Amino acid sequence: MEKSNKISGKVIFDGRAVKLRVDTMREPDGRETTREIVEHADCIAVVAIDENNNILLVNQFREAVQKELLEIPAGGIDPGEDVETAVKREMQEETGYLPRKLVKLGSFYSAPGYTTENLYLYLVTDLVPSRLVAEDTDSIRLVRVPVSEITRILTSGKICDAKSIAGLYMYLEYLKKH
């Protein structure tokens, strides 16, 4: 498959969380076009299972969609931070638990049509209470759902963000093999 070639790029916004770049591209057929690219740092997403075989989900208001969403814990990787450290920090911030066992389930792009964000998905278990207070997590509510209910909750539409859907289905596939 032939690919487009970048002619030029211009950053039109450089914010705290994202950078917006407009690239001018030459298509394989010779046409010139533009692509709007959101540059976003890589992130982590976590399938957390407690000692009672419940999955830990977080309920939080998402400004972009003006809704409360039920999600798997997730967050950014700080500059200079390794992925597993980010997993542990985000778990402490969002759920109040520190995982002692981490298993990488894979990684995926959140929306490759317009953003560079890659999510590293981890399964975490052996959870120890360990609150790490962060300024933006006080409105997060922890929700426990039995692992046996994952398929039902996914097909019910109660979970509607892509990282949580992908993460939970990847976890279900992991369970089949282990």
N, C-alpha and C. Protein backbone atom coordinates (compact mmCIF):
# COMPACT_ATOMS: atom_id res chain seq x y z
N MET A 1 0.84 -1.18 0.00
CA MET A 1 0.00 0.00 0.00
C MET A 1 0.89 1.25 0.00
N GLU A 2 0.60 2.14 -0.90
CA GLU A 2 1.34 3.40 -0.95
C GLU A 2 0.88 4.30 0.19
N LYS A 3 1.81 5.11 0.70
CA LYS A 3 1.45 6.01 1.79
C LYS A 3 1.63 7.45 1.37
N SER A 4 1.00 8.32 2.11
CA SER A 4 1.13 9.75 1.89
C SER A 4 2.50 10.21 2.34
N ASN A 5 2.98 11.30 1.76
CA ASN A 5 4.25 11.89 2.17
C ASN A 5 3.99 13.26 2.78
N LYS A 6 4.63 13.50 3.92
CA LYS A 6 4.48 14.79 4.59
C LYS A 6 5.32 15.84 3.87
N ILE A 7 4.67 16.94 3.52
CA ILE A 7 5.34 18.07 2.88
C ILE A 7 5.80 19.05 3.94
N SER A 8 4.88 19.36 4.87
CA SER A 8 5.21 20.29 5.94
C SER A 8 4.27 20.08 7.11
N GLY A 9 4.62 20.66 8.24
CA GLY A 9 3.78 20.59 9.42
C GLY A 9 3.89 21.87 10.22
N LYS A 10 2.78 22.25 10.86
CA LYS A 10 2.78 23.47 11.65
C LYS A 10 2.00 23.23 12.93
N VAL A 11 2.61 23.54 14.08
CA VAL A 11 1.92 23.44 15.36
C VAL A 11 1.04 24.67 15.51
N ILE A 12 -0.28 24.46 15.69
CA ILE A 12 -1.18 25.59 15.83
C ILE A 12 -1.68 25.78 17.26
N PHE A 13 -1.42 24.77 18.11
CA PHE A 13 -1.76 24.89 19.53
C PHE A 13 -0.82 24.00 20.32
N ASP A 14 -0.29 24.53 21.41
CA ASP A 14 0.61 23.76 22.27
C ASP A 14 0.14 23.94 23.71
N GLY A 15 -0.67 22.99 24.18
CA GLY A 15 -1.26 23.09 25.50
C GLY A 15 -0.59 22.20 26.52
N ARG A 16 -1.18 22.14 27.71
CA ARG A 16 -0.65 21.33 28.80
C ARG A 16 -0.73 19.85 28.49
N ALA A 17 -1.84 19.41 27.90
CA ALA A 17 -2.05 17.98 27.66
C ALA A 17 -1.86 17.57 26.20
N VAL A 18 -2.13 18.45 25.29
CA VAL A 18 -2.05 18.10 23.86
C VAL A 18 -1.39 19.21 23.05
N LYS A 19 -0.91 18.78 21.90
CA LYS A 19 -0.38 19.71 20.91
C LYS A 19 -1.15 19.40 19.63
N LEU A 20 -1.62 20.43 18.94
CA LEU A 20 -2.35 20.24 17.68
C LEU A 20 -1.47 20.71 16.54
N ARG A 21 -1.25 19.79 15.61
CA ARG A 21 -0.39 20.03 14.46
C ARG A 21 -1.22 19.84 13.19
N VAL A 22 -1.00 20.69 12.21
CA VAL A 22 -1.63 20.52 10.91
C VAL A 22 -0.52 20.20 9.91
N ASP A 23 -0.60 19.02 9.32
CA ASP A 23 0.40 18.57 8.35
C ASP A 23 -0.17 18.70 6.94
N THR A 24 0.66 19.15 6.03
CA THR A 24 0.31 19.16 4.61
C THR A 24 0.92 17.90 4.02
N MET A 25 0.09 17.14 3.33
CA MET A 25 0.49 15.83 2.82
C MET A 25 0.32 15.76 1.30
N ARG A 26 1.17 14.95 0.68
CA ARG A 26 1.01 14.63 -0.74
C ARG A 26 0.52 13.18 -0.79
N GLU A 27 -0.66 13.00 -1.35
CA GLU A 27 -1.27 11.67 -1.47
C GLU A 27 -0.60 10.90 -2.61
N PRO A 28 -0.68 9.58 -2.60
CA PRO A 28 -0.06 8.78 -3.67
C PRO A 28 -0.52 9.17 -5.08
N ASP A 29 -1.76 9.70 -5.19
CA ASP A 29 -2.25 10.10 -6.52
C ASP A 29 -1.82 11.52 -6.90
N GLY A 30 -1.00 12.18 -6.04
CA GLY A 30 -0.49 13.51 -6.34
C GLY A 30 -1.26 14.65 -5.69
N ARG A 31 -2.47 14.35 -5.18
CA ARG A 31 -3.25 15.41 -4.53
C ARG A 31 -2.55 15.88 -3.26
N GLU A 32 -2.74 17.18 -2.95
CA GLU A 32 -2.23 17.74 -1.70
C GLU A 32 -3.42 17.87 -0.75
N THR A 33 -3.21 17.48 0.52
CA THR A 33 -4.28 17.52 1.50
C THR A 33 -3.70 17.86 2.86
N THR A 34 -4.55 18.06 3.85
CA THR A 34 -4.06 18.35 5.21
C THR A 34 -4.57 17.28 6.18
N ARG A 35 -3.82 17.09 7.23
CA ARG A 35 -4.18 16.20 8.33
C ARG A 35 -4.03 16.98 9.63
N GLU A 36 -5.04 16.92 10.48
CA GLU A 36 -4.97 17.52 11.80
C GLU A 36 -4.57 16.42 12.78
N ILE A 37 -3.45 16.60 13.43
CA ILE A 37 -2.89 15.57 14.32
C ILE A 37 -2.83 16.11 15.74
N VAL A 38 -3.41 15.35 16.66
CA VAL A 38 -3.31 15.68 18.08
C VAL A 38 -2.15 14.88 18.65
N GLU A 39 -1.09 15.58 19.05
CA GLU A 39 0.04 14.91 19.69
C GLU A 39 -0.29 14.78 21.17
N HIS A 40 -0.26 13.55 21.66
CA HIS A 40 -0.60 13.27 23.06
C HIS A 40 0.39 12.27 23.59
N ALA A 41 0.85 12.48 24.80
CA ALA A 41 1.80 11.55 25.42
C ALA A 41 1.14 10.17 25.58
N ASP A 42 1.98 9.14 25.63
CA ASP A 42 1.46 7.80 25.88
C ASP A 42 0.84 7.72 27.27
N CYS A 43 -0.07 6.78 27.43
CA CYS A 43 -0.81 6.63 28.68
C CYS A 43 -0.87 5.16 29.09
N ILE A 44 -1.41 4.93 30.27
CA ILE A 44 -1.62 3.57 30.75
C ILE A 44 -3.11 3.36 31.00
N ALA A 45 -3.53 2.11 30.93
CA ALA A 45 -4.89 1.71 31.29
C ALA A 45 -4.76 0.41 32.08
N VAL A 46 -5.63 0.23 33.07
CA VAL A 46 -5.45 -0.84 34.02
C VAL A 46 -6.73 -1.64 34.24
N VAL A 47 -6.60 -2.96 34.12
CA VAL A 47 -7.66 -3.87 34.56
C VAL A 47 -7.21 -4.35 35.93
N ALA A 48 -7.90 -3.88 36.97
CA ALA A 48 -7.53 -4.17 38.36
C ALA A 48 -8.53 -5.16 38.95
N ILE A 49 -8.00 -6.25 39.49
CA ILE A 49 -8.84 -7.29 40.09
C ILE A 49 -8.49 -7.40 41.57
N ASP A 50 -9.52 -7.29 42.44
CA ASP A 50 -9.27 -7.38 43.88
C ASP A 50 -9.32 -8.82 44.37
N GLU A 51 -9.12 -9.00 45.67
CA GLU A 51 -9.05 -10.34 46.27
C GLU A 51 -10.38 -11.09 46.22
N ASN A 52 -11.49 -10.38 45.98
CA ASN A 52 -12.81 -11.01 45.88
C ASN A 52 -13.24 -11.23 44.43
N ASN A 53 -12.30 -11.14 43.50
CA ASN A 53 -12.55 -11.33 42.08
C ASN A 53 -13.52 -10.29 41.50
N ASN A 54 -13.36 -9.06 41.99
CA ASN A 54 -14.09 -7.93 41.44
C ASN A 54 -13.13 -7.10 40.60
N ILE A 55 -13.66 -6.53 39.55
CA ILE A 55 -12.88 -5.57 38.78
C ILE A 55 -13.14 -4.19 39.37
N LEU A 56 -12.08 -3.39 39.51
CA LEU A 56 -12.22 -2.03 40.03
C LEU A 56 -12.39 -1.07 38.86
N LEU A 57 -13.52 -0.40 38.85
CA LEU A 57 -13.81 0.60 37.83
C LEU A 57 -13.91 1.96 38.52
N VAL A 58 -13.76 3.00 37.75
CA VAL A 58 -13.91 4.34 38.29
C VAL A 58 -15.03 5.06 37.55
N ASN A 59 -15.82 5.79 38.32
CA ASN A 59 -16.90 6.59 37.75
C ASN A 59 -16.47 8.04 37.89
N GLN A 60 -16.41 8.74 36.75
CA GLN A 60 -16.00 10.14 36.80
C GLN A 60 -16.66 10.95 35.70
N PHE A 61 -16.83 12.24 35.96
CA PHE A 61 -17.41 13.14 34.97
C PHE A 61 -16.35 13.49 33.94
N ARG A 62 -16.72 13.36 32.68
CA ARG A 62 -15.82 13.71 31.58
C ARG A 62 -16.35 14.95 30.87
N GLU A 63 -15.62 16.03 31.01
CA GLU A 63 -16.05 17.33 30.48
C GLU A 63 -16.29 17.28 28.97
N ALA A 64 -15.42 16.60 28.22
CA ALA A 64 -15.53 16.60 26.76
C ALA A 64 -16.87 16.06 26.27
N VAL A 65 -17.43 15.06 26.97
CA VAL A 65 -18.70 14.48 26.54
C VAL A 65 -19.85 14.86 27.45
N GLN A 66 -19.55 15.64 28.49
CA GLN A 66 -20.56 16.12 29.44
C GLN A 66 -21.36 15.00 30.08
N LYS A 67 -20.63 13.91 30.46
CA LYS A 67 -21.27 12.76 31.08
C LYS A 67 -20.36 12.15 32.12
N GLU A 68 -21.00 11.45 33.07
CA GLU A 68 -20.25 10.58 33.96
C GLU A 68 -20.04 9.27 33.23
N LEU A 69 -18.79 8.78 33.24
CA LEU A 69 -18.48 7.53 32.55
C LEU A 69 -17.92 6.52 33.54
N LEU A 70 -18.23 5.27 33.31
CA LEU A 70 -17.68 4.16 34.07
C LEU A 70 -16.52 3.60 33.25
N GLU A 71 -15.31 3.62 33.83
CA GLU A 71 -14.10 3.30 33.07
C GLU A 71 -13.15 2.43 33.89
N ILE A 72 -12.19 1.83 33.18
CA ILE A 72 -11.07 1.22 33.89
C ILE A 72 -10.13 2.37 34.28
N PRO A 73 -9.37 2.21 35.37
CA PRO A 73 -8.42 3.27 35.75
C PRO A 73 -7.40 3.50 34.61
N ALA A 74 -7.03 4.75 34.43
CA ALA A 74 -6.10 5.10 33.36
C ALA A 74 -5.50 6.46 33.65
N GLY A 75 -4.43 6.77 32.95
CA GLY A 75 -3.84 8.09 33.11
C GLY A 75 -2.56 8.23 32.34
N GLY A 76 -1.99 9.40 32.45
CA GLY A 76 -0.79 9.72 31.70
C GLY A 76 0.47 9.17 32.33
N ILE A 77 1.47 9.07 31.50
CA ILE A 77 2.82 8.70 31.95
C ILE A 77 3.58 10.01 32.07
N ASP A 78 4.03 10.31 33.28
CA ASP A 78 4.76 11.56 33.50
C ASP A 78 6.10 11.53 32.77
N PRO A 79 6.62 12.71 32.37
CA PRO A 79 7.93 12.75 31.71
C PRO A 79 9.00 12.06 32.56
N GLY A 80 9.74 11.16 31.95
CA GLY A 80 10.79 10.44 32.64
C GLY A 80 10.31 9.25 33.47
N GLU A 81 9.01 9.03 33.53
CA GLU A 81 8.44 7.94 34.32
C GLU A 81 8.34 6.68 33.46
N ASP A 82 8.69 5.52 34.04
CA ASP A 82 8.52 4.29 33.28
C ASP A 82 7.06 3.83 33.40
N VAL A 83 6.67 2.96 32.49
CA VAL A 83 5.27 2.55 32.37
C VAL A 83 4.75 1.91 33.65
N GLU A 84 5.49 0.98 34.24
CA GLU A 84 5.00 0.29 35.43
C GLU A 84 4.88 1.23 36.63
N THR A 85 5.76 2.21 36.73
CA THR A 85 5.64 3.21 37.79
C THR A 85 4.36 4.03 37.59
N ALA A 86 4.05 4.36 36.35
CA ALA A 86 2.83 5.10 36.04
C ALA A 86 1.60 4.27 36.42
N VAL A 87 1.63 2.97 36.13
CA VAL A 87 0.51 2.09 36.49
C VAL A 87 0.28 2.14 38.01
N LYS A 88 1.34 1.99 38.76
CA LYS A 88 1.23 1.99 40.24
C LYS A 88 0.73 3.35 40.75
N ARG A 89 1.27 4.43 40.22
CA ARG A 89 0.86 5.77 40.66
C ARG A 89 -0.61 6.04 40.35
N GLU A 90 -1.02 5.73 39.12
CA GLU A 90 -2.42 5.96 38.75
C GLU A 90 -3.38 5.10 39.58
N MET A 91 -2.99 3.87 39.84
CA MET A 91 -3.83 3.01 40.70
C MET A 91 -3.99 3.62 42.09
N GLN A 92 -2.91 4.12 42.66
CA GLN A 92 -2.99 4.74 43.97
C GLN A 92 -3.86 6.00 43.93
N GLU A 93 -3.67 6.82 42.91
CA GLU A 93 -4.43 8.06 42.81
C GLU A 93 -5.91 7.82 42.59
N GLU A 94 -6.25 6.92 41.67
CA GLU A 94 -7.64 6.75 41.28
C GLU A 94 -8.42 5.74 42.12
N THR A 95 -7.73 4.73 42.66
CA THR A 95 -8.46 3.68 43.40
C THR A 95 -8.07 3.57 44.86
N GLY A 96 -6.92 4.12 45.24
CA GLY A 96 -6.46 3.98 46.62
C GLY A 96 -5.76 2.67 46.89
N TYR A 97 -5.37 1.96 45.84
CA TYR A 97 -4.68 0.68 45.99
C TYR A 97 -3.36 0.68 45.23
N LEU A 98 -2.37 0.02 45.83
CA LEU A 98 -1.09 -0.19 45.17
C LEU A 98 -1.03 -1.66 44.74
N PRO A 99 -0.86 -1.90 43.45
CA PRO A 99 -0.76 -3.30 42.99
C PRO A 99 0.63 -3.86 43.21
N ARG A 100 0.69 -5.11 43.66
CA ARG A 100 1.99 -5.77 43.83
C ARG A 100 2.30 -6.71 42.68
N LYS A 101 1.29 -7.04 41.86
CA LYS A 101 1.53 -7.91 40.70
C LYS A 101 1.00 -7.20 39.46
N LEU A 102 1.86 -7.06 38.46
CA LEU A 102 1.51 -6.40 37.20
C LEU A 102 1.82 -7.34 36.04
N VAL A 103 0.88 -7.44 35.10
CA VAL A 103 1.06 -8.24 33.90
C VAL A 103 0.67 -7.37 32.71
N LYS A 104 1.59 -7.20 31.77
CA LYS A 104 1.26 -6.41 30.57
C LYS A 104 0.36 -7.25 29.66
N LEU A 105 -0.81 -6.69 29.33
CA LEU A 105 -1.75 -7.38 28.44
C LEU A 105 -1.57 -6.95 26.98
N GLY A 106 -0.94 -5.81 26.76
CA GLY A 106 -0.74 -5.33 25.39
C GLY A 106 -0.75 -3.81 25.35
N SER A 107 -0.86 -3.29 24.15
CA SER A 107 -0.98 -1.84 23.97
C SER A 107 -1.78 -1.58 22.70
N PHE A 108 -2.32 -0.37 22.61
CA PHE A 108 -3.14 -0.02 21.46
C PHE A 108 -3.21 1.50 21.33
N TYR A 109 -3.48 1.96 20.11
CA TYR A 109 -3.69 3.38 19.86
C TYR A 109 -5.13 3.73 20.17
N SER A 110 -5.34 4.86 20.82
CA SER A 110 -6.70 5.24 21.21
C SER A 110 -7.55 5.68 20.01
N ALA A 111 -7.00 6.44 19.12
CA ALA A 111 -7.73 6.92 17.94
C ALA A 111 -6.71 7.31 16.87
N PRO A 112 -6.12 6.31 16.18
CA PRO A 112 -4.99 6.56 15.28
C PRO A 112 -5.32 7.41 14.05
N GLY A 113 -6.58 7.70 13.83
CA GLY A 113 -6.94 8.57 12.71
C GLY A 113 -6.53 10.01 12.95
N TYR A 114 -6.35 10.39 14.24
CA TYR A 114 -6.01 11.78 14.49
C TYR A 114 -5.11 12.03 15.71
N THR A 115 -4.77 10.99 16.48
CA THR A 115 -3.91 11.24 17.63
C THR A 115 -2.78 10.22 17.73
N THR A 116 -1.69 10.65 18.35
CA THR A 116 -0.51 9.80 18.51
C THR A 116 -0.59 8.96 19.79
N GLU A 117 -1.60 9.15 20.63
CA GLU A 117 -1.68 8.48 21.94
C GLU A 117 -1.70 6.96 21.82
N ASN A 118 -0.78 6.34 22.56
CA ASN A 118 -0.72 4.88 22.68
C ASN A 118 -0.99 4.54 24.14
N LEU A 119 -1.83 3.54 24.37
CA LEU A 119 -2.14 3.11 25.73
C LEU A 119 -1.52 1.76 26.00
N TYR A 120 -0.83 1.65 27.13
CA TYR A 120 -0.26 0.39 27.60
C TYR A 120 -1.26 -0.21 28.58
N LEU A 121 -1.72 -1.41 28.30
CA LEU A 121 -2.74 -2.05 29.13
C LEU A 121 -2.10 -3.07 30.06
N TYR A 122 -2.42 -2.95 31.34
CA TYR A 122 -1.90 -3.86 32.36
C TYR A 122 -3.03 -4.49 33.16
N LEU A 123 -2.81 -5.73 33.55
CA LEU A 123 -3.64 -6.42 34.53
C LEU A 123 -2.89 -6.28 35.85
N VAL A 124 -3.58 -5.83 36.90
CA VAL A 124 -2.95 -5.73 38.21
C VAL A 124 -3.77 -6.50 39.24
N THR A 125 -3.05 -7.16 40.15
CA THR A 125 -3.68 -7.93 41.22
C THR A 125 -2.83 -7.74 42.48
N ASP A 126 -3.21 -8.46 43.53
CA ASP A 126 -2.52 -8.38 44.82
C ASP A 126 -2.49 -6.91 45.26
N LEU A 127 -3.67 -6.36 45.45
CA LEU A 127 -3.84 -4.94 45.74
C LEU A 127 -3.74 -4.66 47.24
N VAL A 128 -2.96 -3.63 47.59
CA VAL A 128 -2.76 -3.23 48.98
C VAL A 128 -3.29 -1.80 49.14
N PRO A 129 -4.13 -1.53 50.15
CA PRO A 129 -4.58 -0.15 50.36
C PRO A 129 -3.39 0.80 50.48
N SER A 130 -3.40 1.87 49.69
CA SER A 130 -2.28 2.81 49.66
C SER A 130 -2.70 4.05 48.89
N ARG A 131 -3.31 4.97 49.57
CA ARG A 131 -3.84 6.17 48.91
C ARG A 131 -2.72 7.13 48.55
N LEU A 132 -2.71 7.59 47.32
CA LEU A 132 -1.81 8.63 46.86
C LEU A 132 -2.71 9.77 46.39
N VAL A 133 -2.72 10.85 47.11
CA VAL A 133 -3.65 11.94 46.81
C VAL A 133 -3.15 12.76 45.62
N ALA A 134 -4.04 12.99 44.68
CA ALA A 134 -3.75 13.84 43.53
C ALA A 134 -4.85 14.90 43.45
N GLU A 135 -4.52 16.06 42.94
CA GLU A 135 -5.46 17.18 42.95
C GLU A 135 -6.69 16.98 42.08
N ASP A 136 -6.61 16.16 41.05
CA ASP A 136 -7.74 16.03 40.13
C ASP A 136 -8.52 14.72 40.28
N THR A 137 -8.34 14.01 41.38
CA THR A 137 -9.00 12.72 41.51
C THR A 137 -10.03 12.67 42.63
N ASP A 138 -10.33 13.79 43.28
CA ASP A 138 -11.27 13.76 44.39
C ASP A 138 -12.71 13.52 43.96
N SER A 139 -13.03 13.70 42.69
CA SER A 139 -14.40 13.46 42.22
C SER A 139 -14.59 12.05 41.65
N ILE A 140 -13.55 11.23 41.70
CA ILE A 140 -13.63 9.86 41.18
C ILE A 140 -14.26 8.95 42.22
N ARG A 141 -15.23 8.14 41.78
CA ARG A 141 -15.88 7.18 42.67
C ARG A 141 -15.52 5.78 42.22
N LEU A 142 -15.05 4.97 43.17
CA LEU A 142 -14.65 3.59 42.89
C LEU A 142 -15.88 2.69 42.84
N VAL A 143 -15.94 1.84 41.81
CA VAL A 143 -17.06 0.90 41.63
C VAL A 143 -16.48 -0.49 41.45
N ARG A 144 -16.99 -1.45 42.22
CA ARG A 144 -16.53 -2.84 42.11
C ARG A 144 -17.60 -3.65 41.38
N VAL A 145 -17.15 -4.40 40.38
CA VAL A 145 -18.05 -5.24 39.59
C VAL A 145 -17.46 -6.64 39.56
N PRO A 146 -18.26 -7.67 39.87
CA PRO A 146 -17.73 -9.04 39.79
C PRO A 146 -17.22 -9.34 38.38
N VAL A 147 -16.08 -10.02 38.30
CA VAL A 147 -15.51 -10.39 37.01
C VAL A 147 -16.55 -11.14 36.18
N SER A 148 -17.38 -11.94 36.82
CA SER A 148 -18.42 -12.70 36.11
C SER A 148 -19.44 -11.81 35.41
N GLU A 149 -19.47 -10.51 35.76
CA GLU A 149 -20.43 -9.57 35.16
C GLU A 149 -19.83 -8.72 34.03
N ILE A 150 -18.56 -8.94 33.72
CA ILE A 150 -17.90 -8.08 32.72
C ILE A 150 -18.63 -8.10 31.37
N THR A 151 -18.93 -9.28 30.86
CA THR A 151 -19.58 -9.35 29.55
C THR A 151 -20.94 -8.65 29.59
N ARG A 152 -21.70 -8.87 30.64
CA ARG A 152 -23.02 -8.23 30.75
C ARG A 152 -22.90 -6.71 30.79
N ILE A 153 -21.95 -6.21 31.57
CA ILE A 153 -21.82 -4.76 31.69
C ILE A 153 -21.30 -4.14 30.38
N LEU A 154 -20.45 -4.88 29.66
CA LEU A 154 -19.98 -4.38 28.36
C LEU A 154 -21.12 -4.34 27.34
N THR A 155 -21.90 -5.39 27.27
CA THR A 155 -22.98 -5.45 26.26
C THR A 155 -24.18 -4.58 26.63
N SER A 156 -24.26 -4.16 27.89
CA SER A 156 -25.38 -3.31 28.33
C SER A 156 -25.21 -1.87 27.90
N GLY A 157 -24.00 -1.49 27.52
CA GLY A 157 -23.74 -0.10 27.15
C GLY A 157 -23.36 0.78 28.33
N LYS A 158 -23.25 0.22 29.53
CA LYS A 158 -22.87 1.02 30.70
C LYS A 158 -21.44 1.51 30.61
N ILE A 159 -20.63 0.77 29.89
CA ILE A 159 -19.26 1.21 29.63
C ILE A 159 -19.20 1.60 28.16
N CYS A 160 -18.83 2.86 27.91
CA CYS A 160 -18.89 3.34 26.53
C CYS A 160 -17.64 4.08 26.07
N ASP A 161 -16.53 3.91 26.79
CA ASP A 161 -15.30 4.52 26.28
C ASP A 161 -14.40 3.41 25.72
N ALA A 162 -13.70 3.73 24.67
CA ALA A 162 -12.96 2.73 23.89
C ALA A 162 -11.88 2.02 24.69
N LYS A 163 -11.12 2.74 25.52
CA LYS A 163 -10.04 2.08 26.25
C LYS A 163 -10.59 1.05 27.22
N SER A 164 -11.72 1.34 27.85
CA SER A 164 -12.30 0.38 28.79
C SER A 164 -12.87 -0.83 28.07
N ILE A 165 -13.53 -0.62 26.97
CA ILE A 165 -14.08 -1.73 26.19
C ILE A 165 -12.93 -2.62 25.69
N ALA A 166 -11.92 -1.99 25.07
CA ALA A 166 -10.78 -2.77 24.57
C ALA A 166 -10.07 -3.48 25.71
N GLY A 167 -9.83 -2.77 26.79
CA GLY A 167 -9.11 -3.35 27.92
C GLY A 167 -9.83 -4.53 28.54
N LEU A 168 -11.14 -4.41 28.71
CA LEU A 168 -11.90 -5.49 29.32
C LEU A 168 -12.00 -6.70 28.39
N TYR A 169 -12.18 -6.47 27.10
CA TYR A 169 -12.20 -7.61 26.18
C TYR A 169 -10.82 -8.28 26.09
N MET A 170 -9.75 -7.51 26.16
CA MET A 170 -8.41 -8.11 26.16
C MET A 170 -8.21 -8.93 27.43
N TYR A 171 -8.76 -8.46 28.55
CA TYR A 171 -8.68 -9.22 29.80
C TYR A 171 -9.46 -10.53 29.68
N LEU A 172 -10.64 -10.49 29.09
CA LEU A 172 -11.44 -11.71 28.91
C LEU A 172 -10.68 -12.73 28.06
N GLU A 173 -9.99 -12.27 27.02
CA GLU A 173 -9.18 -13.17 26.21
C GLU A 173 -8.01 -13.74 27.01
N TYR A 174 -7.42 -12.91 27.85
CA TYR A 174 -6.33 -13.36 28.72
C TYR A 174 -6.83 -14.49 29.64
N LEU A 175 -8.03 -14.31 30.19
CA LEU A 175 -8.60 -15.34 31.08
C LEU A 175 -8.77 -16.67 30.38
N LYS A 176 -9.14 -16.65 29.11
CA LYS A 176 -9.33 -17.90 28.37
C LYS A 176 -8.03 -18.69 28.25
N LYS A 177 -6.90 -17.97 28.21
CA LYS A 177 -5.60 -18.63 28.01
C LYS A 177 -4.91 -18.98 29.31
N HIS A 178 -5.36 -18.42 30.43
CA HIS A 178 -4.65 -18.63 31.71
C HIS A 178 -5.61 -19.25 32.70
